């Protein structure tokens, strides 16, 4: 299971919360890849897809809901598509040095030291 965690807040999910979960096991049944015509980059001709679920926050009630979705691999990036609400967001892997900086800022903002947050 691949789990995506938000590193900043927005209207979808608060920072530090899980935003999607995707089944990437070879045993899991996956949708057919998307065939893309008229592209020169061979990595973009066939886009692999993986079944999962994505989390959204109801703005009025502040409750969270999990909706069916798919992770789509697009070259060096990937997207997660929340199927019932026709929403797709592109993601990239955050370099380790940026992840460390964001983690420190989140700990400081929460008033935690490295030992209190479990991040030594």
N, C-alpha and C. Protein backbone atom coordinates (compact mmCIF):
# COMPACT_ATOMS: atom_id res chain seq x y z
N UNK A 1 0.86 -1.18 0.00
CA UNK A 1 0.00 0.00 0.00
C UNK A 1 0.90 1.23 0.00
N UNK A 2 0.69 2.11 -0.94
CA UNK A 2 1.40 3.40 -1.00
C UNK A 2 0.49 4.44 -0.36
N UNK A 3 1.04 5.21 0.58
CA UNK A 3 0.26 6.20 1.31
C UNK A 3 0.87 7.57 1.06
N UNK A 4 0.04 8.54 0.63
CA UNK A 4 0.49 9.91 0.39
C UNK A 4 0.06 10.80 1.56
N UNK A 5 0.99 11.60 2.05
CA UNK A 5 0.73 12.49 3.18
C UNK A 5 0.96 13.93 2.75
N UNK A 6 0.03 14.82 3.09
CA UNK A 6 0.14 16.24 2.74
C UNK A 6 1.23 16.89 3.59
N UNK A 7 2.02 17.79 2.97
CA UNK A 7 3.02 18.52 3.74
C UNK A 7 2.61 19.97 3.93
N UNK A 8 1.51 20.40 3.30
CA UNK A 8 0.97 21.74 3.53
C UNK A 8 -0.55 21.67 3.46
N UNK A 9 -1.22 22.60 4.08
CA UNK A 9 -2.68 22.60 4.12
C UNK A 9 -3.27 23.26 2.88
N UNK A 10 -4.44 22.79 2.50
CA UNK A 10 -5.24 23.43 1.47
C UNK A 10 -6.69 23.04 1.69
N UNK A 11 -7.51 23.22 0.71
CA UNK A 11 -8.94 22.94 0.86
C UNK A 11 -9.28 21.45 0.83
N UNK A 12 -8.32 20.61 0.52
CA UNK A 12 -8.63 19.18 0.39
C UNK A 12 -8.37 18.45 1.70
N UNK A 13 -7.15 18.51 2.21
CA UNK A 13 -6.77 17.80 3.43
C UNK A 13 -5.74 18.65 4.18
N UNK A 14 -5.83 18.73 5.52
CA UNK A 14 -4.84 19.50 6.29
C UNK A 14 -3.44 18.86 6.21
N UNK A 15 -2.40 19.67 6.46
CA UNK A 15 -1.03 19.15 6.44
C UNK A 15 -0.85 18.07 7.49
N UNK A 16 0.02 17.12 7.17
CA UNK A 16 0.31 16.02 8.07
C UNK A 16 -0.70 14.89 8.00
N UNK A 17 -1.76 15.06 7.24
CA UNK A 17 -2.81 14.04 7.13
C UNK A 17 -2.63 13.22 5.86
N UNK A 18 -3.12 11.99 5.88
CA UNK A 18 -3.08 11.12 4.70
C UNK A 18 -4.07 11.66 3.67
N UNK A 19 -3.61 11.79 2.42
CA UNK A 19 -4.48 12.30 1.36
C UNK A 19 -4.94 11.18 0.41
N UNK A 20 -4.12 10.14 0.25
CA UNK A 20 -4.57 9.01 -0.57
C UNK A 20 -3.85 7.73 -0.15
N UNK A 21 -4.46 6.63 -0.51
CA UNK A 21 -3.90 5.29 -0.31
C UNK A 21 -4.11 4.54 -1.62
N UNK A 22 -3.06 3.86 -2.09
CA UNK A 22 -3.13 3.18 -3.37
C UNK A 22 -2.60 1.76 -3.23
N UNK A 23 -3.31 0.81 -3.81
CA UNK A 23 -2.86 -0.58 -3.82
C UNK A 23 -1.86 -0.77 -4.96
N UNK A 24 -0.61 -1.06 -4.62
CA UNK A 24 0.42 -1.25 -5.64
C UNK A 24 0.95 -2.68 -5.67
N UNK A 25 0.31 -3.57 -4.97
CA UNK A 25 0.72 -4.96 -4.92
C UNK A 25 0.53 -5.62 -6.29
N UNK A 26 1.48 -6.48 -6.69
CA UNK A 26 1.32 -7.19 -7.97
C UNK A 26 0.06 -8.06 -8.00
N UNK A 27 -0.41 -8.47 -6.83
CA UNK A 27 -1.61 -9.31 -6.76
C UNK A 27 -2.91 -8.52 -6.93
N UNK A 28 -2.84 -7.20 -6.74
CA UNK A 28 -4.05 -6.37 -6.83
C UNK A 28 -4.46 -6.19 -8.29
N UNK A 29 -5.74 -6.30 -8.56
CA UNK A 29 -6.26 -6.07 -9.91
C UNK A 29 -6.23 -4.56 -10.19
N UNK A 30 -5.64 -4.19 -11.33
CA UNK A 30 -5.49 -2.78 -11.67
C UNK A 30 -6.24 -2.47 -12.96
N UNK A 31 -6.65 -1.20 -13.12
CA UNK A 31 -7.29 -0.81 -14.38
C UNK A 31 -6.29 -0.89 -15.54
N UNK A 32 -6.81 -0.96 -16.75
CA UNK A 32 -5.96 -0.96 -17.93
C UNK A 32 -5.20 0.37 -18.03
N UNK A 33 -3.95 0.33 -18.51
CA UNK A 33 -3.22 1.59 -18.71
C UNK A 33 -3.95 2.48 -19.72
N UNK A 34 -3.65 3.76 -19.64
CA UNK A 34 -4.21 4.72 -20.60
C UNK A 34 -3.23 4.84 -21.75
N UNK A 35 -3.67 4.56 -22.98
CA UNK A 35 -2.83 4.74 -24.16
C UNK A 35 -2.95 6.17 -24.65
N UNK A 36 -1.80 6.81 -24.85
CA UNK A 36 -1.79 8.21 -25.29
C UNK A 36 -1.13 8.27 -26.66
N UNK A 37 -1.83 8.84 -27.63
CA UNK A 37 -1.29 8.98 -28.98
C UNK A 37 -0.60 10.33 -29.12
N UNK A 38 0.26 10.43 -30.12
CA UNK A 38 0.88 11.69 -30.54
C UNK A 38 1.75 12.33 -29.46
N UNK A 39 2.52 11.54 -28.74
CA UNK A 39 3.50 12.09 -27.81
C UNK A 39 4.87 11.56 -28.21
N UNK A 40 5.90 12.37 -28.03
CA UNK A 40 7.24 11.94 -28.42
C UNK A 40 7.98 11.24 -27.29
N UNK A 41 7.64 11.55 -26.04
CA UNK A 41 8.30 10.93 -24.89
C UNK A 41 7.73 9.52 -24.70
N UNK A 42 8.55 8.49 -24.84
CA UNK A 42 8.03 7.12 -24.72
C UNK A 42 7.42 6.80 -23.35
N UNK A 43 7.86 7.52 -22.30
CA UNK A 43 7.31 7.29 -20.96
C UNK A 43 5.85 7.74 -20.86
N UNK A 44 5.40 8.56 -21.81
CA UNK A 44 4.04 9.10 -21.76
C UNK A 44 3.07 8.39 -22.69
N UNK A 45 3.53 7.38 -23.42
CA UNK A 45 2.66 6.68 -24.38
C UNK A 45 1.67 5.75 -23.69
N UNK A 46 2.05 5.19 -22.57
CA UNK A 46 1.18 4.27 -21.83
C UNK A 46 1.26 4.64 -20.36
N UNK A 47 0.16 5.15 -19.81
CA UNK A 47 0.13 5.63 -18.43
C UNK A 47 -0.47 4.55 -17.53
N UNK A 48 0.37 4.00 -16.65
CA UNK A 48 -0.09 2.97 -15.73
C UNK A 48 -1.02 3.58 -14.68
N UNK A 49 -2.02 2.80 -14.26
CA UNK A 49 -2.98 3.27 -13.25
C UNK A 49 -3.08 2.25 -12.13
N UNK A 50 -3.33 2.75 -10.91
CA UNK A 50 -3.46 1.90 -9.73
C UNK A 50 -4.67 2.34 -8.93
N UNK A 51 -5.44 1.37 -8.49
CA UNK A 51 -6.66 1.64 -7.74
C UNK A 51 -6.34 2.10 -6.32
N UNK A 52 -7.12 3.05 -5.82
CA UNK A 52 -6.93 3.52 -4.46
C UNK A 52 -8.13 4.29 -3.97
N UNK A 53 -7.90 5.04 -2.92
CA UNK A 53 -8.95 5.91 -2.39
C UNK A 53 -8.30 7.21 -1.94
N UNK A 54 -9.02 8.31 -2.15
CA UNK A 54 -8.51 9.63 -1.81
C UNK A 54 -9.40 10.29 -0.77
N UNK A 55 -8.78 11.07 0.06
CA UNK A 55 -9.48 11.71 1.17
C UNK A 55 -9.81 13.15 0.81
N UNK A 56 -11.01 13.58 1.19
CA UNK A 56 -11.43 14.97 1.03
C UNK A 56 -12.10 15.42 2.32
N UNK A 57 -12.05 16.73 2.55
CA UNK A 57 -12.67 17.31 3.74
C UNK A 57 -13.92 18.07 3.30
N UNK A 58 -15.03 17.80 3.96
CA UNK A 58 -16.25 18.56 3.72
C UNK A 58 -16.08 19.93 4.36
N UNK A 59 -16.14 20.99 3.56
CA UNK A 59 -15.87 22.34 4.05
C UNK A 59 -16.86 22.79 5.13
N UNK A 60 -18.10 22.37 5.00
CA UNK A 60 -19.11 22.81 5.97
C UNK A 60 -18.99 22.09 7.30
N UNK A 61 -18.94 20.76 7.25
CA UNK A 61 -18.94 19.99 8.50
C UNK A 61 -17.54 19.68 9.01
N UNK A 62 -16.51 19.91 8.19
CA UNK A 62 -15.11 19.61 8.52
C UNK A 62 -14.85 18.11 8.68
N UNK A 63 -15.82 17.27 8.29
CA UNK A 63 -15.60 15.83 8.36
C UNK A 63 -14.86 15.37 7.10
N UNK A 64 -14.16 14.25 7.20
CA UNK A 64 -13.43 13.73 6.05
C UNK A 64 -14.15 12.53 5.46
N UNK A 65 -13.96 12.35 4.18
CA UNK A 65 -14.57 11.24 3.45
C UNK A 65 -13.51 10.62 2.55
N UNK A 66 -13.58 9.32 2.37
CA UNK A 66 -12.71 8.61 1.43
C UNK A 66 -13.51 8.30 0.18
N UNK A 67 -12.96 8.67 -0.97
CA UNK A 67 -13.62 8.45 -2.25
C UNK A 67 -12.76 7.56 -3.14
N UNK A 68 -13.40 6.76 -4.00
CA UNK A 68 -12.61 5.93 -4.91
C UNK A 68 -11.78 6.79 -5.85
N UNK A 69 -10.59 6.28 -6.18
CA UNK A 69 -9.73 7.04 -7.07
C UNK A 69 -8.67 6.16 -7.70
N UNK A 70 -7.79 6.82 -8.45
CA UNK A 70 -6.70 6.12 -9.12
C UNK A 70 -5.45 6.99 -9.11
N UNK A 71 -4.30 6.33 -8.92
CA UNK A 71 -3.02 6.98 -9.11
C UNK A 71 -2.61 6.70 -10.55
N UNK A 72 -2.18 7.74 -11.26
CA UNK A 72 -1.78 7.62 -12.66
C UNK A 72 -0.33 8.06 -12.76
N UNK A 73 0.54 7.18 -13.28
CA UNK A 73 1.95 7.52 -13.44
C UNK A 73 2.12 8.29 -14.75
N UNK A 74 2.75 9.47 -14.65
CA UNK A 74 2.92 10.35 -15.80
C UNK A 74 4.39 10.77 -15.86
N UNK A 75 5.20 9.98 -16.53
CA UNK A 75 6.63 10.28 -16.62
C UNK A 75 7.27 10.27 -15.24
N UNK A 76 7.93 11.37 -14.86
CA UNK A 76 8.59 11.47 -13.56
C UNK A 76 7.62 11.90 -12.46
N UNK A 77 6.37 12.14 -12.79
CA UNK A 77 5.37 12.60 -11.84
C UNK A 77 4.26 11.57 -11.73
N UNK A 78 3.31 11.85 -10.85
CA UNK A 78 2.11 11.04 -10.82
C UNK A 78 0.96 11.93 -10.42
N UNK A 79 -0.23 11.46 -10.72
CA UNK A 79 -1.43 12.20 -10.36
C UNK A 79 -2.33 11.27 -9.56
N UNK A 80 -3.14 11.85 -8.71
CA UNK A 80 -4.20 11.08 -8.08
C UNK A 80 -5.51 11.70 -8.54
N UNK A 81 -6.42 10.84 -9.00
CA UNK A 81 -7.72 11.29 -9.50
C UNK A 81 -8.81 10.80 -8.56
N UNK A 82 -9.58 11.75 -8.01
CA UNK A 82 -10.77 11.43 -7.22
C UNK A 82 -11.90 11.27 -8.23
N UNK A 83 -12.27 10.04 -8.53
CA UNK A 83 -13.18 9.77 -9.63
C UNK A 83 -14.57 10.38 -9.47
N UNK A 84 -15.24 10.24 -8.31
CA UNK A 84 -16.62 10.75 -8.21
C UNK A 84 -16.74 12.27 -8.34
N UNK A 85 -15.67 13.00 -8.05
CA UNK A 85 -15.78 14.47 -8.09
C UNK A 85 -14.95 15.08 -9.23
N UNK A 86 -14.43 14.23 -10.12
CA UNK A 86 -13.67 14.69 -11.28
C UNK A 86 -12.54 15.65 -10.91
N UNK A 87 -11.79 15.30 -9.88
CA UNK A 87 -10.66 16.11 -9.43
C UNK A 87 -9.39 15.31 -9.60
N UNK A 88 -8.37 15.94 -10.17
CA UNK A 88 -7.08 15.30 -10.35
C UNK A 88 -5.99 16.27 -9.93
N UNK A 89 -5.05 15.80 -9.12
CA UNK A 89 -3.94 16.63 -8.66
C UNK A 89 -2.64 15.92 -9.00
N UNK A 90 -1.69 16.67 -9.55
CA UNK A 90 -0.37 16.13 -9.87
C UNK A 90 0.55 16.29 -8.67
N UNK A 91 1.40 15.30 -8.47
CA UNK A 91 2.34 15.28 -7.36
C UNK A 91 3.74 15.00 -7.90
N UNK A 92 4.72 15.33 -7.08
CA UNK A 92 6.10 14.94 -7.36
C UNK A 92 6.74 14.53 -6.04
N UNK A 93 7.76 13.73 -6.12
CA UNK A 93 8.48 13.36 -4.91
C UNK A 93 9.26 14.58 -4.44
N UNK A 94 9.12 14.89 -3.18
CA UNK A 94 9.82 16.03 -2.60
C UNK A 94 11.23 15.59 -2.24
N UNK A 95 12.25 16.36 -2.67
CA UNK A 95 13.63 15.99 -2.32
C UNK A 95 13.81 15.93 -0.80
N UNK A 96 14.70 15.05 -0.35
CA UNK A 96 14.91 14.83 1.09
C UNK A 96 15.23 16.12 1.85
N UNK A 97 16.04 17.01 1.26
CA UNK A 97 16.40 18.24 1.98
C UNK A 97 15.17 19.13 2.19
N UNK A 98 14.25 19.16 1.25
CA UNK A 98 13.03 19.95 1.40
C UNK A 98 12.11 19.30 2.42
N UNK A 99 12.01 17.98 2.40
CA UNK A 99 11.20 17.26 3.38
C UNK A 99 11.68 17.56 4.79
N UNK A 100 13.00 17.56 5.00
CA UNK A 100 13.56 17.85 6.33
C UNK A 100 13.22 19.27 6.76
N UNK A 101 13.31 20.24 5.83
CA UNK A 101 12.99 21.63 6.17
C UNK A 101 11.52 21.77 6.55
N UNK A 102 10.64 21.15 5.78
CA UNK A 102 9.20 21.24 6.07
C UNK A 102 8.89 20.58 7.41
N UNK A 103 9.51 19.42 7.67
CA UNK A 103 9.29 18.73 8.94
C UNK A 103 9.69 19.59 10.13
N UNK A 104 10.84 20.27 10.00
CA UNK A 104 11.29 21.17 11.08
C UNK A 104 10.29 22.30 11.28
N UNK A 105 9.83 22.90 10.20
CA UNK A 105 8.86 24.00 10.31
C UNK A 105 7.56 23.53 10.95
N UNK A 106 7.10 22.34 10.59
CA UNK A 106 5.86 21.82 11.18
C UNK A 106 6.04 21.56 12.67
N UNK A 107 7.20 21.03 13.08
CA UNK A 107 7.46 20.78 14.50
C UNK A 107 7.50 22.09 15.27
N UNK A 108 8.20 23.09 14.71
CA UNK A 108 8.31 24.39 15.37
C UNK A 108 6.93 25.03 15.48
N UNK A 109 6.15 24.96 14.41
CA UNK A 109 4.80 25.53 14.41
C UNK A 109 3.87 24.86 15.43
N UNK A 110 4.12 23.57 15.67
CA UNK A 110 3.32 22.84 16.65
C UNK A 110 3.91 22.94 18.06
N UNK A 111 5.05 23.61 18.18
CA UNK A 111 5.68 23.77 19.48
C UNK A 111 6.37 22.51 19.97
N UNK A 112 6.81 21.65 19.05
CA UNK A 112 7.46 20.39 19.44
C UNK A 112 8.94 20.45 19.14
N UNK A 113 9.72 19.78 19.99
CA UNK A 113 11.14 19.61 19.68
C UNK A 113 11.27 18.30 18.90
N UNK A 114 12.43 18.01 18.41
CA UNK A 114 12.63 16.77 17.66
C UNK A 114 12.29 15.53 18.46
N UNK A 115 12.62 15.52 19.78
CA UNK A 115 12.35 14.33 20.59
C UNK A 115 10.86 14.19 20.89
N UNK A 116 10.15 15.29 21.06
CA UNK A 116 8.71 15.20 21.35
C UNK A 116 7.92 14.72 20.16
N UNK A 117 8.39 15.03 18.96
CA UNK A 117 7.64 14.64 17.76
C UNK A 117 8.06 13.28 17.24
N UNK A 118 9.10 12.67 17.87
CA UNK A 118 9.60 11.39 17.41
C UNK A 118 10.50 11.53 16.20
N UNK A 119 11.05 12.72 15.95
CA UNK A 119 11.84 12.98 14.77
C UNK A 119 13.26 13.33 15.15
N UNK A 120 14.03 12.44 15.73
CA UNK A 120 15.41 12.73 16.09
C UNK A 120 16.33 12.43 14.95
